[in-house]
Amino acid sequence: MAVVIDGKAKAASVTEAVRKSAEALEAEKGVKPGLAVVIVGNDPASHAYVNSKSKMAKQCGFNSIQHTLPEETTQAALLKLVGELNADASIHGILVQLPLPKHFNSDEIIQSILPEKDVDGLSVLNAGKLATGDLATGLISCTPAGAMLLVRGIHGEDLSGLNAVVIGRSNLFGKPMGQLLLNANATVTMAHSRTKDLAGICKTADILVAAVGRAAMVKGDWVKPGATVIDVGINRIPAPEKGEGKSKLVGDVAYDEASAVAAAITPVPGGVGPMTIAMLMANTVIAAHRALGQAAPKF
């Protein structure tokens, strides 16, 4: 059976390192890292995420600010708020929770965040720095950054000679994940919904990363024996075994099948998920150090 990669334990070690870094920054410079989280509308899942982010920011010793705006907020009003946060020197990281309500042009909002405060790593400048191999001066999208720490925990810093397959090509995860793996010298295949013989391509992967949003799509016979499987999917499916109307969270990988073949695998929940918030905290403390002209810590 595969080694189960414990995302909760790794996330806890990252957040503890962040807390110590924030504490040292305040002691030396009198500055608390500041994180502003903006949420618009009433989506319950988004509110749950935002609450957990705000709670973690406080645990890390940050100045944590939350702006909760009504559904009917206009594009202009949200852009104005982002502009005010951009100009606020006490705020080092700005996160606008996605998805925004349908009447927003989300991309305009995201690109209006100053790249040095873009702790989600979604601005074209930060994406471009990652694409050109500059991991030292930009901010990297949190979920792929966290997934990459889990990969390195198994394989070390240098992935030379390893084949990696990423299923999914989103700007939020798939593309930056591919760039991070490439930067660590893996040979990377980007697979997606139009890929022919997806199962055959997955079978070549020493590192298989699934981020498609389809429950248990990746079967056990898609996995190369001895591979590392990173499951980024979070899908809610009915769980009648728990009682009428009950549901459970599962990943994009058929876990029981894949864990019988793989050497290491992330569970859902408890794998990549906890790493996302941990890396958001890491990006905020990195941004705070840079704003003060200091060398940023490495996590």
C-alpha atoms as a PDB file:
ATOM      1  CA  MET A   1       0.000   0.000   0.000  1.00  0.00           C
ATOM      2  CA  ALA A   2       1.092   3.564  -0.735  1.00  0.00           C
ATOM      3  CA  VAL A   3       2.540   5.942   1.822  1.00  0.00           C
ATOM      4  CA  VAL A   4      -0.209   8.455   2.648  1.00  0.00           C
ATOM      5  CA  ILE A   5       1.205  11.986   2.273  1.00  0.00           C
ATOM      6  CA  ASP A   6       0.085  13.967   5.319  1.00  0.00           C
ATOM      7  CA  GLY A   7      -0.798  17.463   4.091  1.00  0.00           C
ATOM      8  CA  LYS A   8      -2.072  18.506   7.518  1.00  0.00           C
ATOM      9  CA  ALA A   9       1.278  17.807   9.196  1.00  0.00           C
ATOM     10  CA  LYS A  10       3.271  19.562   6.459  1.00  0.00           C
ATOM     11  CA  ALA A  11       0.893  22.554   6.518  1.00  0.00           C
ATOM     12  CA  ALA A  12       1.284  22.778  10.301  1.00  0.00           C
ATOM     13  CA  SER A  13       5.085  22.895   9.973  1.00  0.00           C
ATOM     14  CA  VAL A  14       4.848  25.633   7.299  1.00  0.00           C
ATOM     15  CA  THR A  15       2.449  27.763   9.357  1.00  0.00           C
ATOM     16  CA  GLU A  16       4.679  27.403  12.428  1.00  0.00           C
ATOM     17  CA  ALA A  17       7.663  28.622  10.363  1.00  0.00           C
ATOM     18  CA  VAL A  18       5.500  31.515   9.090  1.00  0.00           C
ATOM     19  CA  ARG A  19       4.455  32.414  12.653  1.00  0.00           C
ATOM     20  CA  LYS A  20       8.090  32.520  13.781  1.00  0.00           C
ATOM     21  CA  SER A  21       9.061  34.621  10.753  1.00  0.00           C
ATOM     22  CA  ALA A  22       6.201  37.081  11.425  1.00  0.00           C
ATOM     23  CA  GLU A  23       7.178  37.257  15.104  1.00  0.00           C
ATOM     24  CA  ALA A  24      10.804  38.037  14.216  1.00  0.00           C
ATOM     25  CA  LEU A  25       9.723  40.705  11.710  1.00  0.00           C
ATOM     26  CA  GLU A  26       7.586  42.433  14.337  1.00  0.00           C
ATOM     27  CA  ALA A  27      10.386  42.229  16.929  1.00  0.00           C
ATOM     28  CA  GLU A  28      13.020  43.628  14.545  1.00  0.00           C
ATOM     29  CA  LYS A  29      11.007  46.142  12.512  1.00  0.00           C
ATOM     30  CA  GLY A  30       7.837  46.739  14.522  1.00  0.00           C
ATOM     31  CA  VAL A  31       5.763  45.583  11.536  1.00  0.00           C
ATOM     32  CA  LYS A  32       3.040  42.926  11.510  1.00  0.00           C
ATOM     33  CA  PRO A  33       2.385  41.216   8.148  1.00  0.00           C
ATOM     34  CA  GLY A  34      -1.029  42.450   6.967  1.00  0.00           C
ATOM     35  CA  LEU A  35      -3.478  40.282   5.009  1.00  0.00           C
ATOM     36  CA  ALA A  36      -6.740  41.670   3.615  1.00  0.00           C
ATOM     37  CA  VAL A  37      -9.323  39.145   2.419  1.00  0.00           C
ATOM     38  CA  VAL A  38     -12.283  40.389   0.374  1.00  0.00           C
ATOM     39  CA  ILE A  39     -15.431  38.322  -0.133  1.00  0.00           C
ATOM     40  CA  VAL A  40     -18.491  39.326  -2.161  1.00  0.00           C
ATOM     41  CA  GLY A  41     -21.874  37.619  -1.926  1.00  0.00           C
ATOM     42  CA  ASN A  42     -23.304  34.692   0.008  1.00  0.00           C
ATOM     43  CA  ASP A  43     -21.627  31.541  -1.310  1.00  0.00           C
ATOM     44  CA  PRO A  44     -21.375  29.222   1.764  1.00  0.00           C
ATOM     45  CA  ALA A  45     -18.226  27.418   0.557  1.00  0.00           C
ATOM     46  CA  SER A  46     -16.461  30.739  -0.088  1.00  0.00           C
ATOM     47  CA  HIS A  47     -17.412  32.010   3.380  1.00  0.00           C
ATOM     48  CA  ALA A  48     -16.074  28.803   4.965  1.00  0.00           C
ATOM     49  CA  TYR A  49     -12.757  29.232   3.091  1.00  0.00           C
ATOM     50  CA  VAL A  50     -12.471  32.900   4.007  1.00  0.00           C
ATOM     51  CA  ASN A  51     -13.198  32.253   7.683  1.00  0.00           C
ATOM     52  CA  SER A  52     -10.492  29.583   7.828  1.00  0.00           C
ATOM     53  CA  LYS A  53      -8.010  31.943   6.085  1.00  0.00           C
ATOM     54  CA  SER A  54      -8.772  34.790   8.501  1.00  0.00           C
ATOM     55  CA  LYS A  55      -8.472  32.453  11.500  1.00  0.00           C
ATOM     56  CA  MET A  56      -5.112  31.109  10.299  1.00  0.00           C
ATOM     57  CA  ALA A  57      -3.819  34.653   9.658  1.00  0.00           C
ATOM     58  CA  LYS A  58      -4.579  35.565  13.283  1.00  0.00           C
ATOM     59  CA  GLN A  59      -2.837  32.378  14.497  1.00  0.00           C
ATOM     60  CA  CYS A  60       0.244  33.405  12.492  1.00  0.00           C
ATOM     61  CA  GLY A  61       0.273  36.775  14.266  1.00  0.00           C
ATOM     62  CA  PHE A  62      -0.827  38.777  11.210  1.00  0.00           C
ATOM     63  CA  ASN A  63      -2.873  41.947  11.056  1.00  0.00           C
ATOM     64  CA  SER A  64      -5.910  40.171   9.528  1.00  0.00           C
ATOM     65  CA  ILE A  65      -8.575  42.317   7.810  1.00  0.00           C
ATOM     66  CA  GLN A  66     -11.761  40.940   6.245  1.00  0.00           C
ATOM     67  CA  HIS A  67     -14.075  42.903   3.935  1.00  0.00           C
ATOM     68  CA  THR A  68     -17.469  41.211   3.488  1.00  0.00           C
ATOM     69  CA  LEU A  69     -19.436  42.890   0.686  1.00  0.00           C
ATOM     70  CA  PRO A  70     -23.044  42.327  -0.409  1.00  0.00           C
ATOM     71  CA  GLU A  71     -23.908  40.428  -3.604  1.00  0.00           C
ATOM     72  CA  GLU A  72     -25.047  43.632  -5.355  1.00  0.00           C
ATOM     73  CA  THR A  73     -21.630  45.352  -4.972  1.00  0.00           C
ATOM     74  CA  THR A  74     -20.589  46.913  -8.307  1.00  0.00           C
ATOM     75  CA  GLN A  75     -17.382  46.355 -10.286  1.00  0.00           C
ATOM     76  CA  ALA A  76     -16.418  50.010  -9.673  1.00  0.00           C
ATOM     77  CA  ALA A  77     -16.927  49.708  -5.895  1.00  0.00           C
ATOM     78  CA  LEU A  78     -14.793  46.579  -5.684  1.00  0.00           C
ATOM     79  CA  LEU A  79     -12.043  48.145  -7.827  1.00  0.00           C
ATOM     80  CA  LYS A  80     -12.117  51.178  -5.495  1.00  0.00           C
ATOM     81  CA  LEU A  81     -11.657  48.959  -2.427  1.00  0.00           C
ATOM     82  CA  VAL A  82      -8.746  47.091  -4.071  1.00  0.00           C
ATOM     83  CA  GLY A  83      -7.177  50.473  -4.918  1.00  0.00           C
ATOM     84  CA  GLU A  84      -7.440  51.560  -1.265  1.00  0.00           C
ATOM     85  CA  LEU A  85      -5.833  48.295  -0.092  1.00  0.00           C
ATOM     86  CA  ASN A  86      -3.066  48.698  -2.705  1.00  0.00           C
ATOM     87  CA  ALA A  87      -2.294  52.124  -1.203  1.00  0.00           C
ATOM     88  CA  ASP A  88      -2.351  50.910   2.426  1.00  0.00           C
ATOM     89  CA  ALA A  89       1.242  50.290   3.553  1.00  0.00           C
ATOM     90  CA  SER A  90       0.055  48.147   6.500  1.00  0.00           C
ATOM     91  CA  ILE A  91      -1.458  45.600   4.062  1.00  0.00           C
ATOM     92  CA  HIS A  92       1.123  43.300   2.434  1.00  0.00           C
ATOM     93  CA  GLY A  93      -1.234  40.737   0.906  1.00  0.00           C
ATOM     94  CA  ILE A  94      -4.613  41.141  -0.816  1.00  0.00           C
ATOM     95  CA  LEU A  95      -6.850  38.198  -1.640  1.00  0.00           C
ATOM     96  CA  VAL A  96     -10.198  38.523  -3.447  1.00  0.00           C
ATOM     97  CA  GLN A  97     -12.077  35.266  -2.872  1.00  0.00           C
ATOM     98  CA  LEU A  98     -13.139  33.531  -6.101  1.00  0.00           C
ATOM     99  CA  PRO A  99     -15.569  32.844  -7.638  1.00  0.00           C
ATOM    100  CA  LEU A 100     -17.064  36.332  -7.613  1.00  0.00           C
ATOM    101  CA  PRO A 101     -20.788  36.750  -8.396  1.00  0.00           C
ATOM    102  CA  LYS A 102     -21.531  36.428 -12.123  1.00  0.00           C
ATOM    103  CA  HIS A 103     -21.885  40.165 -12.859  1.00  0.00           C
ATOM    104  CA  PHE A 104     -18.189  40.789 -12.110  1.00  0.00           C
ATOM    105  CA  ASN A 105     -15.300  40.803 -14.569  1.00  0.00           C
ATOM    106  CA  SER A 106     -13.109  38.725 -12.245  1.00  0.00           C
ATOM    107  CA  ASP A 107      -9.962  39.070 -14.327  1.00  0.00           C
ATOM    108  CA  GLU A 108     -10.057  42.883 -14.194  1.00  0.00           C
ATOM    109  CA  ILE A 109     -10.390  42.695 -10.401  1.00  0.00           C
ATOM    110  CA  ILE A 110      -7.511  40.216  -9.986  1.00  0.00           C
ATOM    111  CA  GLN A 111      -5.195  42.173 -12.323  1.00  0.00           C
ATOM    112  CA  SER A 112      -5.941  45.388 -10.400  1.00  0.00           C
ATOM    113  CA  ILE A 113      -4.171  43.966  -7.307  1.00  0.00           C
ATOM    114  CA  LEU A 114      -0.552  45.137  -7.120  1.00  0.00           C
ATOM    115  CA  PRO A 115       1.630  42.152  -8.127  1.00  0.00           C
ATOM    116  CA  GLU A 116       3.728  42.500  -4.961  1.00  0.00           C
ATOM    117  CA  LYS A 117       0.519  42.155  -2.864  1.00  0.00           C
ATOM    118  CA  ASP A 118      -1.011  39.426  -5.058  1.00  0.00           C
ATOM    119  CA  VAL A 119      -0.664  36.580  -2.538  1.00  0.00           C
ATOM    120  CA  ASP A 120      -2.844  34.324  -4.714  1.00  0.00           C
ATOM    121  CA  GLY A 121      -0.139  34.549  -7.420  1.00  0.00           C
ATOM    122  CA  LEU A 122      -2.682  35.204 -10.198  1.00  0.00           C
ATOM    123  CA  SER A 123      -1.477  38.487 -11.707  1.00  0.00           C
ATOM    124  CA  VAL A 124      -0.003  38.245 -15.206  1.00  0.00           C
ATOM    125  CA  LEU A 125       3.305  39.562 -13.826  1.00  0.00           C
ATOM    126  CA  ASN A 126       3.563  36.821 -11.194  1.00  0.00           C
ATOM    127  CA  ALA A 127       2.430  34.162 -13.693  1.00  0.00           C
ATOM    128  CA  GLY A 128       4.996  35.475 -16.187  1.00  0.00           C
ATOM    129  CA  LYS A 129       7.819  35.384 -13.630  1.00  0.00           C
ATOM    130  CA  LEU A 130       7.014  31.751 -12.876  1.00  0.00           C
ATOM    131  CA  ALA A 131       6.808  30.927 -16.602  1.00  0.00           C
ATOM    132  CA  THR A 132      10.287  32.387 -17.185  1.00  0.00           C
ATOM    133  CA  GLY A 133      11.762  30.519 -14.207  1.00  0.00           C
ATOM    134  CA  ASP A 134      11.973  33.485 -11.821  1.00  0.00           C
ATOM    135  CA  LEU A 135      10.944  31.886  -8.527  1.00  0.00           C
ATOM    136  CA  ALA A 136      12.842  34.444  -6.462  1.00  0.00           C
ATOM    137  CA  THR A 137      10.982  37.732  -7.005  1.00  0.00           C
ATOM    138  CA  GLY A 138       7.354  36.814  -7.788  1.00  0.00           C
ATOM    139  CA  LEU A 139       4.573  35.229  -5.717  1.00  0.00           C
ATOM    140  CA  ILE A 140       3.554  31.685  -6.653  1.00  0.00           C
ATOM    141  CA  SER A 141      -0.058  30.493  -6.742  1.00  0.00           C
ATOM    142  CA  CYS A 142      -0.754  28.861  -3.355  1.00  0.00           C
ATOM    143  CA  THR A 143      -2.184  25.443  -4.274  1.00  0.00           C
ATOM    144  CA  PRO A 144       0.572  24.470  -6.752  1.00  0.00           C
ATOM    145  CA  ALA A 145       3.225  25.859  -4.376  1.00  0.00           C
ATOM    146  CA  GLY A 146       1.794  23.644  -1.621  1.00  0.00           C
ATOM    147  CA  ALA A 147       1.509  20.600  -3.888  1.00  0.00           C
ATOM    148  CA  MET A 148       5.125  21.117  -4.922  1.00  0.00           C
ATOM    149  CA  LEU A 149       6.267  21.037  -1.271  1.00  0.00           C
ATOM    150  CA  LEU A 150       4.531  17.655  -0.914  1.00  0.00           C
ATOM    151  CA  VAL A 151       6.283  16.376  -4.081  1.00  0.00           C
ATOM    152  CA  ARG A 152       9.637  17.575  -2.745  1.00  0.00           C
ATOM    153  CA  GLY A 153       8.952  15.813   0.542  1.00  0.00           C
ATOM    154  CA  ILE A 154       8.982  12.535  -1.402  1.00  0.00           C
ATOM    155  CA  HIS A 155      11.518  13.201  -4.162  1.00  0.00           C
ATOM    156  CA  GLY A 156      13.768  16.009  -2.880  1.00  0.00           C
ATOM    157  CA  GLU A 157      14.600  19.303  -4.600  1.00  0.00           C
ATOM    158  CA  ASP A 158      15.832  17.940  -7.948  1.00  0.00           C
ATOM    159  CA  LEU A 159      13.364  15.963 -10.076  1.00  0.00           C
ATOM    160  CA  SER A 160      15.871  15.200 -12.872  1.00  0.00           C
ATOM    161  CA  GLY A 161      15.027  12.004 -14.749  1.00  0.00           C
ATOM    162  CA  LEU A 162      11.419  11.867 -13.518  1.00  0.00           C
ATOM    163  CA  ASN A 163       8.362  12.054 -15.771  1.00  0.00           C
ATOM    164  CA  ALA A 164       5.543  14.225 -14.432  1.00  0.00           C
ATOM    165  CA  VAL A 165       2.004  14.374 -15.843  1.00  0.00           C
ATOM    166  CA  VAL A 166      -0.383  17.166 -14.835  1.00  0.00           C
ATOM    167  CA  ILE A 167      -4.048  16.607 -15.744  1.00  0.00           C
ATOM    168  CA  GLY A 168      -5.666  20.024 -16.015  1.00  0.00           C
ATOM    169  CA  ARG A 169      -4.466  23.289 -17.566  1.00  0.00           C
ATOM    170  CA  SER A 170      -6.129  25.996 -15.460  1.00  0.00           C
ATOM    171  CA  ASN A 171      -4.334  29.280 -14.755  1.00  0.00           C
ATOM    172  CA  LEU A 172      -5.084  28.741 -11.072  1.00  0.00           C
ATOM    173  CA  PHE A 173      -3.395  25.346 -10.775  1.00  0.00           C
ATOM    174  CA  GLY A 174      -2.479  23.280 -13.843  1.00  0.00           C
ATOM    175  CA  LYS A 175      -0.200  25.725 -15.665  1.00  0.00           C
ATOM    176  CA  PRO A 176       1.745  26.930 -12.598  1.00  0.00           C
ATOM    177  CA  MET A 177       2.098  23.331 -11.360  1.00  0.00           C
ATOM    178  CA  GLY A 178       3.603  22.330 -14.695  1.00  0.00           C
ATOM    179  CA  GLN A 179       6.034  25.264 -14.513  1.00  0.00           C
ATOM    180  CA  LEU A 180       7.140  24.364 -10.975  1.00  0.00           C
ATOM    181  CA  LEU A 181       7.781  20.749 -11.944  1.00  0.00           C
ATOM    182  CA  LEU A 182       9.685  21.878 -15.051  1.00  0.00           C
ATOM    183  CA  ASN A 183      11.735  24.277 -12.966  1.00  0.00           C
ATOM    184  CA  ALA A 184      12.738  21.348 -10.726  1.00  0.00           C
ATOM    185  CA  ASN A 185      14.006  19.500 -13.859  1.00  0.00           C
ATOM    186  CA  ALA A 186      11.135  17.031 -14.289  1.00  0.00           C
ATOM    187  CA  THR A 187      10.045  16.131 -17.822  1.00  0.00           C
ATOM    188  CA  VAL A 188       6.485  17.454 -17.874  1.00  0.00           C
ATOM    189  CA  THR A 189       3.413  16.482 -19.894  1.00  0.00           C
ATOM    190  CA  MET A 190       0.370  18.764 -19.622  1.00  0.00           C
ATOM    191  CA  ALA A 191      -2.756  16.654 -20.189  1.00  0.00           C
ATOM    192  CA  HIS A 192      -6.360  17.873 -20.360  1.00  0.00           C
ATOM    193  CA  SER A 193      -9.883  17.126 -21.639  1.00  0.00           C
ATOM    194  CA  ARG A 194      -8.735  16.998 -25.288  1.00  0.00           C
ATOM    195  CA  THR A 195      -5.781  14.678 -24.671  1.00  0.00           C
ATOM    196  CA  LYS A 196      -5.904  11.365 -26.567  1.00  0.00           C
ATOM    197  CA  ASP A 197      -5.199   8.175 -24.606  1.00  0.00           C
ATOM    198  CA  LEU A 198      -5.171  10.000 -21.281  1.00  0.00           C
ATOM    199  CA  ALA A 199      -4.883   6.721 -19.342  1.00  0.00           C
ATOM    200  CA  GLY A 200      -1.828   5.690 -21.377  1.00  0.00           C
ATOM    201  CA  ILE A 201      -0.115   9.037 -20.800  1.00  0.00           C
ATOM    202  CA  CYS A 202      -0.834   8.921 -17.057  1.00  0.00           C
ATOM    203  CA  LYS A 203       0.745   5.472 -16.904  1.00  0.00           C
ATOM    204  CA  THR A 204       4.114   7.012 -17.912  1.00  0.00           C
ATOM    205  CA  ALA A 205       4.145   9.346 -14.889  1.00  0.00           C
ATOM    206  CA  ASP A 206       6.530   8.981 -11.972  1.00  0.00           C
ATOM    207  CA  ILE A 207       4.634  11.982 -10.538  1.00  0.00           C
ATOM    208  CA  LEU A 208       0.935  12.142 -11.446  1.00  0.00           C
ATOM    209  CA  VAL A 209      -0.978  15.307 -10.530  1.00  0.00           C
ATOM    210  CA  ALA A 210      -4.766  15.328 -11.023  1.00  0.00           C
ATOM    211  CA  ALA A 211      -6.687  18.624 -11.043  1.00  0.00           C
ATOM    212  CA  VAL A 212      -9.782  18.222 -13.205  1.00  0.00           C
ATOM    213  CA  GLY A 213     -12.740  18.405 -10.809  1.00  0.00           C
ATOM    214  CA  ARG A 214     -14.239  15.007 -11.711  1.00  0.00           C
ATOM    215  CA  ALA A 215     -14.728  12.539  -8.885  1.00  0.00           C
ATOM    216  CA  ALA A 216     -12.571   9.377  -9.089  1.00  0.00           C
ATOM    217  CA  MET A 217     -11.765   9.962 -12.774  1.00  0.00           C
ATOM    218  CA  VAL A 218      -8.205   8.637 -12.465  1.00  0.00           C
ATOM    219  CA  LYS A 219      -8.440   4.859 -12.019  1.00  0.00           C
ATOM    220  CA  GLY A 220      -5.931   2.522 -10.438  1.00  0.00           C
ATOM    221  CA  ASP A 221      -4.852   1.131 -13.818  1.00  0.00           C
ATOM    222  CA  TRP A 222      -3.913   4.655 -14.950  1.00  0.00           C
ATOM    223  CA  VAL A 223      -1.195   4.768 -12.279  1.00  0.00           C
ATOM    224  CA  LYS A 224       2.348   3.568 -12.910  1.00  0.00           C
ATOM    225  CA  PRO A 225       3.420   1.143 -10.154  1.00  0.00           C
ATOM    226  CA  GLY A 226       5.534   3.058  -7.644  1.00  0.00           C
ATOM    227  CA  ALA A 227       4.346   6.515  -8.769  1.00  0.00           C
ATOM    228  CA  THR A 228       3.658   9.509  -6.534  1.00  0.00           C
ATOM    229  CA  VAL A 229       0.031  10.652  -6.913  1.00  0.00           C
ATOM    230  CA  ILE A 230      -0.984  14.210  -5.999  1.00  0.00           C
ATOM    231  CA  ASP A 231      -4.794  14.574  -5.972  1.00  0.00           C
ATOM    232  CA  VAL A 232      -5.934  18.205  -6.108  1.00  0.00           C
ATOM    233  CA  GLY A 233      -9.626  17.478  -6.725  1.00  0.00           C
ATOM    234  CA  ILE A 234     -12.314  18.297  -4.168  1.00  0.00           C
ATOM    235  CA  ASN A 235     -15.660  16.807  -5.200  1.00  0.00           C
ATOM    236  CA  ARG A 236     -18.751  16.370  -3.033  1.00  0.00           C
ATOM    237  CA  ILE A 237     -20.658  13.178  -3.822  1.00  0.00           C
ATOM    238  CA  PRO A 238     -23.657  11.437  -2.220  1.00  0.00           C
ATOM    239  CA  ALA A 239     -22.783   9.098   0.670  1.00  0.00           C
ATOM    240  CA  PRO A 240     -25.912   7.038   1.351  1.00  0.00           C
ATOM    241  CA  GLU A 241     -23.844   4.749   3.600  1.00  0.00           C
ATOM    242  CA  LYS A 242     -23.630   7.696   6.051  1.00  0.00           C
ATOM    243  CA  GLY A 243     -27.396   8.168   6.060  1.00  0.00           C
ATOM    244  CA  GLU A 244     -30.088   9.694   3.870  1.00  0.00           C
ATOM    245  CA  GLY A 245     -29.061  12.975   2.220  1.00  0.00           C
ATOM    246  CA  LYS A 246     -25.466  12.725   3.457  1.00  0.00           C
ATOM    247  CA  SER A 247     -22.433  13.477   1.292  1.00  0.00           C
ATOM    248  CA  LYS A 248     -18.638  13.152   1.423  1.00  0.00           C
ATOM    249  CA  LEU A 249     -15.573  14.739  -0.159  1.00  0.00           C
ATOM    250  CA  VAL A 250     -13.523  12.745  -2.659  1.00  0.00           C
ATOM    251  CA  GLY A 251     -10.690  13.600  -5.021  1.00  0.00           C
ATOM    252  CA  ASP A 252     -10.163  13.202  -8.768  1.00  0.00           C
ATOM    253  CA  VAL A 253      -8.365   9.899  -8.139  1.00  0.00           C
ATOM    254  CA  ALA A 254     -10.069   6.588  -7.267  1.00  0.00           C
ATOM    255  CA  TYR A 255      -8.186   6.483  -3.965  1.00  0.00           C
ATOM    256  CA  ASP A 256      -8.517   2.826  -2.944  1.00  0.00           C
ATOM    257  CA  GLU A 257      -7.511   1.556  -6.409  1.00  0.00           C
ATOM    258  CA  ALA A 258      -4.648   4.038  -6.851  1.00  0.00           C
ATOM    259  CA  SER A 259      -3.208   3.571  -3.358  1.00  0.00           C
ATOM    260  CA  ALA A 260      -2.803  -0.159  -4.063  1.00  0.00           C
ATOM    261  CA  VAL A 261      -0.473   0.706  -6.991  1.00  0.00           C
ATOM    262  CA  ALA A 262       1.223   4.005  -6.092  1.00  0.00           C
ATOM    263  CA  ALA A 263       4.211   4.393  -3.756  1.00  0.00           C
ATOM    264  CA  ALA A 264       2.835   7.639  -2.263  1.00  0.00           C
ATOM    265  CA  ILE A 265      -0.535   9.392  -2.514  1.00  0.00           C
ATOM    266  CA  THR A 266      -2.334  12.413  -1.075  1.00  0.00           C
ATOM    267  CA  PRO A 267      -5.708  11.763   0.563  1.00  0.00           C
ATOM    268  CA  VAL A 268      -8.817  13.916   0.060  1.00  0.00           C
ATOM    269  CA  PRO A 269      -9.469  15.609   2.402  1.00  0.00           C
ATOM    270  CA  GLY A 270      -6.195  16.149   4.304  1.00  0.00           C
ATOM    271  CA  GLY A 271      -3.698  16.220   1.443  1.00  0.00           C
ATOM    272  CA  VAL A 272      -3.226  19.259  -0.796  1.00  0.00           C
ATOM    273  CA  GLY A 273      -6.127  21.231   0.752  1.00  0.00           C
ATOM    274  CA  PRO A 274      -4.423  22.264   4.023  1.00  0.00           C
ATOM    275  CA  MET A 275      -1.322  23.295   2.046  1.00  0.00           C
ATOM    276  CA  THR A 276      -3.230  26.003   0.150  1.00  0.00           C
ATOM    277  CA  ILE A 277      -3.932  28.114   3.241  1.00  0.00           C
ATOM    278  CA  ALA A 278      -0.431  27.448   4.613  1.00  0.00           C
ATOM    279  CA  MET A 279       1.149  28.787   1.401  1.00  0.00           C
ATOM    280  CA  LEU A 280      -1.159  31.814   1.449  1.00  0.00           C
ATOM    281  CA  MET A 281       0.288  32.628   4.874  1.00  0.00           C
ATOM    282  CA  ALA A 282       3.817  32.005   3.530  1.00  0.00           C
ATOM    283  CA  ASN A 283       3.213  34.354   0.567  1.00  0.00           C
ATOM    284  CA  THR A 284       1.961  37.073   2.944  1.00  0.00           C
ATOM    285  CA  VAL A 285       5.049  36.941   5.157  1.00  0.00           C
ATOM    286  CA  ILE A 286       7.280  36.844   2.037  1.00  0.00           C
ATOM    287  CA  ALA A 287       5.492  39.954   0.695  1.00  0.00           C
ATOM    288  CA  ALA A 288       5.918  41.726   4.058  1.00  0.00           C
ATOM    289  CA  HIS A 289       9.671  41.066   4.091  1.00  0.00           C
ATOM    290  CA  ARG A 290      10.056  42.317   0.518  1.00  0.00           C
ATOM    291  CA  ALA A 291       8.023  45.473   1.259  1.00  0.00           C
ATOM    292  CA  LEU A 292      10.598  46.290   3.958  1.00  0.00           C
ATOM    293  CA  GLY A 293      13.516  45.614   1.604  1.00  0.00           C
ATOM    294  CA  GLN A 294      14.466  42.437   3.482  1.00  0.00           C
ATOM    295  CA  ALA A 295      15.421  39.021   2.096  1.00  0.00           C
ATOM    296  CA  ALA A 296      12.284  36.868   2.038  1.00  0.00           C
ATOM    297  CA  PRO A 297      12.252  33.588   3.987  1.00  0.00           C
ATOM    298  CA  LYS A 298      12.085  30.265   2.150  1.00  0.00           C
ATOM    299  CA  PHE A 299       9.471  27.652   3.017  1.00  0.00           C
END
